[in-house]
PDB file of N, CA and C in Angstrom:
ATOM      1  N   MET A   1      -4.221  14.394  -5.858  1.00  0.00           N
ATOM      2  CA  MET A   1      -2.984  13.658  -6.063  1.00  0.00           C
ATOM      3  C   MET A   1      -1.849  14.264  -5.233  1.00  0.00           C
ATOM      4  N   VAL A   2      -1.826  15.580  -5.238  1.00  0.00           N
ATOM      5  CA  VAL A   2      -0.748  16.259  -4.518  1.00  0.00           C
ATOM      6  C   VAL A   2      -0.938  16.106  -3.019  1.00  0.00           C
ATOM      7  N   THR A   3      -2.146  16.398  -2.536  1.00  0.00           N
ATOM      8  CA  THR A   3      -2.360  16.351  -1.094  1.00  0.00           C
ATOM      9  C   THR A   3      -2.684  14.954  -0.601  1.00  0.00           C
ATOM     10  N   GLN A   4      -3.431  14.170  -1.353  1.00  0.00           N
ATOM     11  CA  GLN A   4      -3.839  12.847  -0.886  1.00  0.00           C
ATOM     12  C   GLN A   4      -2.732  11.815  -1.012  1.00  0.00           C
ATOM     13  N   GLN A   5      -1.958  11.885  -2.078  1.00  0.00           N
ATOM     14  CA  GLN A   5      -0.913  10.885  -2.300  1.00  0.00           C
ATOM     15  C   GLN A   5       0.468  11.385  -1.904  1.00  0.00           C
ATOM     16  N   GLY A   6       0.563  12.659  -1.545  1.00  0.00           N
ATOM     17  CA  GLY A   6       1.845  13.202  -1.107  1.00  0.00           C
ATOM     18  C   GLY A   6       2.864  13.346  -2.213  1.00  0.00           C
ATOM     19  N   ARG A   7       2.391  13.534  -3.428  1.00  0.00           N
ATOM     20  CA  ARG A   7       3.304  13.652  -4.568  1.00  0.00           C
ATOM     21  C   ARG A   7       3.706  15.103  -4.785  1.00  0.00           C
ATOM     22  N   GLN A   8       4.815  15.291  -5.455  1.00  0.00           N
ATOM     23  CA  GLN A   8       5.315  16.628  -5.744  1.00  0.00           C
ATOM     24  C   GLN A   8       4.438  17.300  -6.799  1.00  0.00           C
ATOM     25  N   PRO A   9       4.123  18.584  -6.608  1.00  0.00           N
ATOM     26  CA  PRO A   9       3.284  19.295  -7.577  1.00  0.00           C
ATOM     27  C   PRO A   9       3.852  19.286  -8.994  1.00  0.00           C
ATOM     28  N   VAL A  10       5.157  19.426  -9.137  1.00  0.00           N
ATOM     29  CA  VAL A  10       5.768  19.432 -10.468  1.00  0.00           C
ATOM     30  C   VAL A  10       5.532  18.090 -11.159  1.00  0.00           C
ATOM     31  N   GLU A  11       5.688  17.015 -10.416  1.00  0.00           N
ATOM     32  CA  GLU A  11       5.478  15.667 -10.952  1.00  0.00           C
ATOM     33  C   GLU A  11       4.030  15.484 -11.410  1.00  0.00           C
ATOM     34  N   VAL A  12       3.095  15.934 -10.593  1.00  0.00           N
ATOM     35  CA  VAL A  12       1.674  15.800 -10.922  1.00  0.00           C
ATOM     36  C   VAL A  12       1.333  16.638 -12.144  1.00  0.00           C
ATOM     37  N   ALA A  13       1.869  17.858 -12.209  1.00  0.00           N
ATOM     38  CA  ALA A  13       1.604  18.733 -13.352  1.00  0.00           C
ATOM     39  C   ALA A  13       2.097  18.092 -14.645  1.00  0.00           C
ATOM     40  N   LYS A  14       3.289  17.504 -14.613  1.00  0.00           N
ATOM     41  CA  LYS A  14       3.815  16.832 -15.809  1.00  0.00           C
ATOM     42  C   LYS A  14       2.937  15.658 -16.205  1.00  0.00           C
ATOM     43  N   GLU A  15       2.519  14.874 -15.212  1.00  0.00           N
ATOM     44  CA  GLU A  15       1.685  13.708 -15.491  1.00  0.00           C
ATOM     45  C   GLU A  15       0.350  14.114 -16.118  1.00  0.00           C
ATOM     46  N   LEU A  16      -0.212  15.211 -15.627  1.00  0.00           N
ATOM     47  CA  LEU A  16      -1.496  15.679 -16.150  1.00  0.00           C
ATOM     48  C   LEU A  16      -1.345  16.479 -17.439  1.00  0.00           C
ATOM     49  N   GLY A  17      -0.110  16.825 -17.778  1.00  0.00           N
ATOM     50  CA  GLY A  17       0.133  17.594 -18.994  1.00  0.00           C
ATOM     51  C   GLY A  17      -0.318  19.040 -18.870  1.00  0.00           C
ATOM     52  N   ILE A  18      -0.174  19.587 -17.665  1.00  0.00           N
ATOM     53  CA  ILE A  18      -0.572  20.976 -17.437  1.00  0.00           C
ATOM     54  C   ILE A  18       0.611  21.765 -16.906  1.00  0.00           C
ATOM     55  N   CYS A  19       0.474  23.067 -16.961  1.00  0.00           N
ATOM     56  CA  CYS A  19       1.504  23.961 -16.440  1.00  0.00           C
ATOM     57  C   CYS A  19       1.457  23.941 -14.911  1.00  0.00           C
ATOM     58  N   ILE A  20       2.615  24.050 -14.281  1.00  0.00           N
ATOM     59  CA  ILE A  20       2.679  24.054 -12.819  1.00  0.00           C
ATOM     60  C   ILE A  20       1.879  25.215 -12.243  1.00  0.00           C
ATOM     61  N   ASP A  21       1.845  26.341 -12.981  1.00  0.00           N
ATOM     62  CA  ASP A  21       1.067  27.492 -12.506  1.00  0.00           C
ATOM     63  C   ASP A  21      -0.422  27.172 -12.457  1.00  0.00           C
ATOM     64  N   THR A  22      -0.895  26.385 -13.405  1.00  0.00           N
ATOM     65  CA  THR A  22      -2.301  25.968 -13.396  1.00  0.00           C
ATOM     66  C   THR A  22      -2.585  25.132 -12.158  1.00  0.00           C
ATOM     67  N   LEU A  23      -1.703  24.198 -11.871  1.00  0.00           N
ATOM     68  CA  LEU A  23      -1.880  23.356 -10.692  1.00  0.00           C
ATOM     69  C   LEU A  23      -1.843  24.199  -9.421  1.00  0.00           C
ATOM     70  N   ARG A  24      -0.919  25.146  -9.372  1.00  0.00           N
ATOM     71  CA  ARG A  24      -0.842  26.035  -8.206  1.00  0.00           C
ATOM     72  C   ARG A  24      -2.143  26.809  -8.017  1.00  0.00           C
ATOM     73  N   SER A  25      -2.704  27.281  -9.125  1.00  0.00           N
ATOM     74  CA  SER A  25      -3.956  28.038  -9.003  1.00  0.00           C
ATOM     75  C   SER A  25      -5.086  27.132  -8.529  1.00  0.00           C
ATOM     76  N   TRP A  26      -5.097  25.876  -8.964  1.00  0.00           N
ATOM     77  CA  TRP A  26      -6.115  24.923  -8.499  1.00  0.00           C
ATOM     78  C   TRP A  26      -5.955  24.670  -6.998  1.00  0.00           C
ATOM     79  N   LEU A  27      -4.713  24.485  -6.581  1.00  0.00           N
ATOM     80  CA  LEU A  27      -4.458  24.256  -5.159  1.00  0.00           C
ATOM     81  C   LEU A  27      -4.873  25.472  -4.336  1.00  0.00           C
ATOM     82  N   LYS A  28      -4.535  26.647  -4.843  1.00  0.00           N
ATOM     83  CA  LYS A  28      -4.898  27.878  -4.139  1.00  0.00           C
ATOM     84  C   LYS A  28      -6.414  28.015  -4.056  1.00  0.00           C
ATOM     85  N   ALA A  29      -7.107  27.699  -5.151  1.00  0.00           N
ATOM     86  CA  ALA A  29      -8.570  27.791  -5.172  1.00  0.00           C
ATOM     87  C   ALA A  29      -9.206  26.819  -4.181  1.00  0.00           C
ATOM     88  N   SER A  30      -8.538  25.698  -3.946  1.00  0.00           N
ATOM     89  CA  SER A  30      -9.073  24.716  -3.001  1.00  0.00           C
ATOM     90  C   SER A  30      -8.629  25.006  -1.565  1.00  0.00           C
ATOM     91  N   GLY A  31      -7.872  26.090  -1.392  1.00  0.00           N
ATOM     92  CA  GLY A  31      -7.463  26.486  -0.049  1.00  0.00           C
ATOM     93  C   GLY A  31      -6.146  25.890   0.401  1.00  0.00           C
ATOM     94  N   VAL A  32      -5.404  25.289  -0.512  1.00  0.00           N
ATOM     95  CA  VAL A  32      -4.120  24.671  -0.178  1.00  0.00           C
ATOM     96  C   VAL A  32      -3.009  25.532  -0.757  1.00  0.00           C
ATOM     97  N   GLN A  33      -2.026  25.876   0.067  1.00  0.00           N
ATOM     98  CA  GLN A  33      -0.888  26.648  -0.406  1.00  0.00           C
ATOM     99  C   GLN A  33       0.292  25.714  -0.610  1.00  0.00           C
ATOM    100  N   MET A  34       1.208  26.120  -1.486  1.00  0.00           N
ATOM    101  CA  MET A  34       2.343  25.260  -1.825  1.00  0.00           C
ATOM    102  C   MET A  34       3.168  24.915  -0.593  1.00  0.00           C
ATOM    103  N   GLY A  35       3.315  25.828   0.346  1.00  0.00           N
ATOM    104  CA  GLY A  35       4.052  25.534   1.576  1.00  0.00           C
ATOM    105  C   GLY A  35       3.385  24.435   2.370  1.00  0.00           C
ATOM    106  N   GLN A  36       2.057  24.432   2.360  1.00  0.00           N
ATOM    107  CA  GLN A  36       1.311  23.389   3.056  1.00  0.00           C
ATOM    108  C   GLN A  36       1.532  22.041   2.387  1.00  0.00           C
ATOM    109  N   VAL A  37       1.591  22.047   1.051  1.00  0.00           N
ATOM    110  CA  VAL A  37       1.814  20.805   0.305  1.00  0.00           C
ATOM    111  C   VAL A  37       3.175  20.232   0.652  1.00  0.00           C
ATOM    112  N   SER A  38       4.194  21.101   0.674  1.00  0.00           N
ATOM    113  CA  SER A  38       5.545  20.650   1.006  1.00  0.00           C
ATOM    114  C   SER A  38       5.594  20.085   2.418  1.00  0.00           C
ATOM    115  N   ARG A  39       4.989  20.795   3.354  1.00  0.00           N
ATOM    116  CA  ARG A  39       4.965  20.334   4.742  1.00  0.00           C
ATOM    117  C   ARG A  39       4.196  19.017   4.845  1.00  0.00           C
ATOM    118  N   TYR A  40       3.077  18.926   4.121  1.00  0.00           N
ATOM    119  CA  TYR A  40       2.278  17.699   4.116  1.00  0.00           C
ATOM    120  C   TYR A  40       3.102  16.536   3.566  1.00  0.00           C
ATOM    121  N   ASN A  41       3.829  16.774   2.469  1.00  0.00           N
ATOM    122  CA  ASN A  41       4.663  15.726   1.878  1.00  0.00           C
ATOM    123  C   ASN A  41       5.737  15.265   2.857  1.00  0.00           C
ATOM    124  N   GLN A  42       6.338  16.209   3.571  1.00  0.00           N
ATOM    125  CA  GLN A  42       7.364  15.858   4.552  1.00  0.00           C
ATOM    126  C   GLN A  42       6.760  15.036   5.686  1.00  0.00           C
ATOM    127  N   GLU A  43       5.578  15.432   6.123  1.00  0.00           N
ATOM    128  CA  GLU A  43       4.919  14.693   7.199  1.00  0.00           C
ATOM    129  C   GLU A  43       4.558  13.282   6.748  1.00  0.00           C
ATOM    130  N   GLN A  44       4.071  13.150   5.518  1.00  0.00           N
ATOM    131  CA  GLN A  44       3.715  11.834   5.002  1.00  0.00           C
ATOM    132  C   GLN A  44       4.949  10.944   4.886  1.00  0.00           C
ATOM    133  N   GLN A  45       6.067  11.514   4.454  1.00  0.00           N
ATOM    134  CA  GLN A  45       7.309  10.757   4.352  1.00  0.00           C
ATOM    135  C   GLN A  45       7.748  10.279   5.735  1.00  0.00           C
ATOM    136  N   LYS A  46       7.659  11.151   6.721  1.00  0.00           N
ATOM    137  CA  LYS A  46       8.042  10.786   8.090  1.00  0.00           C
ATOM    138  C   LYS A  46       7.132   9.683   8.617  1.00  0.00           C
ATOM    139  N   ILE A  47       5.831   9.780   8.322  1.00  0.00           N
ATOM    140  CA  ILE A  47       4.888   8.746   8.748  1.00  0.00           C
ATOM    141  C   ILE A  47       5.253   7.406   8.126  1.00  0.00           C
ATOM    142  N   ARG A  48       5.573   7.402   6.827  1.00  0.00           N
ATOM    143  CA  ARG A  48       5.960   6.146   6.161  1.00  0.00           C
ATOM    144  C   ARG A  48       7.219   5.559   6.790  1.00  0.00           C
ATOM    145  N   GLU A  49       8.191   6.424   7.111  1.00  0.00           N
ATOM    146  CA  GLU A  49       9.421   5.949   7.749  1.00  0.00           C
ATOM    147  C   GLU A  49       9.120   5.336   9.112  1.00  0.00           C
ATOM    148  N   LEU A  50       8.292   6.009   9.891  1.00  0.00           N
ATOM    149  CA  LEU A  50       7.958   5.504  11.224  1.00  0.00           C
ATOM    150  C   LEU A  50       7.157   4.209  11.152  1.00  0.00           C
ATOM    151  N   GLU A  51       6.268   4.095  10.170  1.00  0.00           N
ATOM    152  CA  GLU A  51       5.515   2.849  10.008  1.00  0.00           C
ATOM    153  C   GLU A  51       6.448   1.697   9.663  1.00  0.00           C
ATOM    154  N   GLY A  52       7.450   1.969   8.831  1.00  0.00           N
ATOM    155  CA  GLY A  52       8.439   0.950   8.503  1.00  0.00           C
ATOM    156  C   GLY A  52       9.239   0.535   9.724  1.00  0.00           C
ATOM    157  N   GLU A  53       9.598   1.507  10.536  1.00  0.00           N
ATOM    158  CA  GLU A  53      10.339   1.215  11.763  1.00  0.00           C
ATOM    159  C   GLU A  53       9.488   0.383  12.723  1.00  0.00           C
ATOM    160  N   ILE A  54       8.210   0.706  12.821  1.00  0.00           N
ATOM    161  CA  ILE A  54       7.306  -0.059  13.686  1.00  0.00           C
ATOM    162  C   ILE A  54       7.223  -1.504  13.214  1.00  0.00           C
ATOM    163  N   ARG A  55       7.102  -1.707  11.895  1.00  0.00           N
ATOM    164  CA  ARG A  55       7.048  -3.081  11.364  1.00  0.00           C
ATOM    165  C   ARG A  55       8.313  -3.850  11.719  1.00  0.00           C
ATOM    166  N   ALA A  56       9.466  -3.203  11.558  1.00  0.00           N
ATOM    167  CA  ALA A  56      10.738  -3.862  11.865  1.00  0.00           C
ATOM    168  C   ALA A  56      10.835  -4.197  13.352  1.00  0.00           C
ATOM    169  N   LEU A  57      10.411  -3.278  14.194  1.00  0.00           N
ATOM    170  CA  LEU A  57      10.469  -3.520  15.641  1.00  0.00           C
ATOM    171  C   LEU A  57       9.510  -4.626  16.068  1.00  0.00           C
ATOM    172  N   ARG A  58       8.338  -4.679  15.450  1.00  0.00           N
ATOM    173  CA  ARG A  58       7.395  -5.754  15.770  1.00  0.00           C
ATOM    174  C   ARG A  58       7.961  -7.109  15.361  1.00  0.00           C
ATOM    175  N   LYS A  59       8.655  -7.137  14.229  1.00  0.00           N
ATOM    176  CA  LYS A  59       9.277  -8.385  13.783  1.00  0.00           C
ATOM    177  C   LYS A  59      10.358  -8.814  14.781  1.00  0.00           C
ATOM    178  N   GLN A  60      11.185  -7.854  15.194  1.00  0.00           N
ATOM    179  CA  GLN A  60      12.226  -8.155  16.177  1.00  0.00           C
ATOM    180  C   GLN A  60      11.618  -8.646  17.480  1.00  0.00           C
ATOM    181  N   LEU A  61      10.550  -8.012  17.914  1.00  0.00           N
ATOM    182  CA  LEU A  61       9.882  -8.413  19.147  1.00  0.00           C
ATOM    183  C   LEU A  61       9.386  -9.849  19.044  1.00  0.00           C
ATOM    184  N   GLY A  62       8.786 -10.192  17.917  1.00  0.00           N
ATOM    185  CA  GLY A  62       8.309 -11.562  17.719  1.00  0.00           C
ATOM    186  C   GLY A  62       9.444 -12.566  17.786  1.00  0.00           C
ATOM    187  N   GLU A  63      10.572 -12.223  17.162  1.00  0.00           N
ATOM    188  CA  GLU A  63      11.733 -13.113  17.190  1.00  0.00           C
ATOM    189  C   GLU A  63      12.252 -13.277  18.617  1.00  0.00           C
ATOM    190  N   LYS A  64      12.314 -12.191  19.355  1.00  0.00           N
ATOM    191  CA  LYS A  64      12.803 -12.248  20.742  1.00  0.00           C
ATOM    192  C   LYS A  64      11.864 -13.074  21.612  1.00  0.00           C
ATOM    193  N   GLU A  65      10.557 -12.921  21.389  1.00  0.00           N
ATOM    194  CA  GLU A  65       9.593 -13.706  22.165  1.00  0.00           C
ATOM    195  C   GLU A  65       9.745 -15.199  21.873  1.00  0.00           C
ATOM    196  N   GLU A  66      10.024 -15.550  20.620  1.00  0.00           N
ATOM    197  CA  GLU A  66      10.258 -16.958  20.275  1.00  0.00           C
ATOM    198  C   GLU A  66      11.493 -17.485  20.996  1.00  0.00           C
ATOM    199  N   ILE A  67      12.549 -16.694  21.016  1.00  0.00           N
ATOM    200  CA  ILE A  67      13.788 -17.096  21.692  1.00  0.00           C
ATOM    201  C   ILE A  67      13.536 -17.301  23.180  1.00  0.00           C
ATOM    202  N   ILE A  68      12.779 -16.398  23.781  1.00  0.00           N
ATOM    203  CA  ILE A  68      12.468 -16.519  25.212  1.00  0.00           C
ATOM    204  C   ILE A  68      11.705 -17.811  25.484  1.00  0.00           C
ATOM    205  N   GLU A  69      10.743 -18.138  24.651  1.00  0.00           N
ATOM    206  CA  GLU A  69       9.972 -19.373  24.837  1.00  0.00           C
ATOM    207  C   GLU A  69      10.867 -20.601  24.705  1.00  0.00           C
ATOM    208  N   ILE A  70      11.769 -20.584  23.746  1.00  0.00           N
ATOM    209  CA  ILE A  70      12.702 -21.706  23.569  1.00  0.00           C
ATOM    210  C   ILE A  70      13.588 -21.848  24.803  1.00  0.00           C
ATOM    211  N   LEU A  71      14.086 -20.733  25.315  1.00  0.00           N
ATOM    212  CA  LEU A  71      14.940 -20.774  26.508  1.00  0.00           C
ATOM    213  C   LEU A  71      14.174 -21.274  27.733  1.00  0.00           C
ATOM    214  N   LYS A  72      12.924 -20.860  27.871  1.00  0.00           N
ATOM    215  CA  LYS A  72      12.113 -21.342  28.994  1.00  0.00           C
ATOM    216  C   LYS A  72      11.944 -22.855  28.920  1.00  0.00           C
ATOM    217  N   LYS A  73      11.678 -23.371  27.728  1.00  0.00           N
ATOM    218  CA  LYS A  73      11.504 -24.819  27.562  1.00  0.00           C
ATOM    219  C   LYS A  73      12.803 -25.557  27.852  1.00  0.00           C
ATOM    220  N   SER A  74      13.919 -24.987  27.382  1.00  0.00           N
ATOM    221  CA  SER A  74      15.199 -25.668  27.605  1.00  0.00           C
ATOM    222  C   SER A  74      15.574 -25.657  29.085  1.00  0.00           C
ATOM    223  N   VAL A  75      15.270 -24.590  29.795  1.00  0.00           N
ATOM    224  CA  VAL A  75      15.532 -24.548  31.238  1.00  0.00           C
ATOM    225  C   VAL A  75      14.698 -25.613  31.933  1.00  0.00           C
ATOM    226  N   GLY A  76      13.450 -25.754  31.527  1.00  0.00           N
ATOM    227  CA  GLY A  76      12.581 -26.771  32.119  1.00  0.00           C
ATOM    228  C   GLY A  76      13.107 -28.171  31.873  1.00  0.00           C
ATOM    229  N   ILE A  77      13.593 -28.417  30.675  1.00  0.00           N
ATOM    230  CA  ILE A  77      14.130 -29.742  30.335  1.00  0.00           C
ATOM    231  C   ILE A  77      15.418 -30.009  31.107  1.00  0.00           C
ATOM    232  N   LEU A  78      16.304 -29.034  31.169  1.00  0.00           N
ATOM    233  CA  LEU A  78      17.587 -29.216  31.845  1.00  0.00           C
ATOM    234  C   LEU A  78      17.447 -29.258  33.364  1.00  0.00           C
ATOM    235  N   SER A  79      16.374 -28.718  33.902  1.00  0.00           N
ATOM    236  CA  SER A  79      16.161 -28.707  35.356  1.00  0.00           C
ATOM    237  C   SER A  79      15.658 -30.043  35.877  1.00  0.00           C
ATOM    238  N   LYS A  80      15.129 -30.869  34.998  1.00  0.00           N
ATOM    239  CA  LYS A  80      14.600 -32.167  35.433  1.00  0.00           C
ATOM    240  C   LYS A  80      15.754 -33.106  35.765  1.00  0.00           C
ATOM    241  N   PRO A  81      15.588 -33.875  36.867  1.00  0.00           N
ATOM    242  CA  PRO A  81      16.672 -34.806  37.264  1.00  0.00           C
ATOM    243  C   PRO A  81      16.771 -36.008  36.357  1.00  0.00           C
TER     244      PRO A  81
END
């Protein structure tokens, strides 16, 4: 939950009804340190932000391409004698 979903260890410990120290020991036993979890969470947040930005830019690109097509058609219509 902590590493795969990018959730805060304190939040996960509360949800599971365990002490944060227990969760820390589990993470340590699995080879994950709390600093790594924090860095991982920050990286996941940045990835989500960038994915959102990509979606917005793709939407803008689609809108611009539609406008370009409309302008091309209107130029063709207005160019005819």
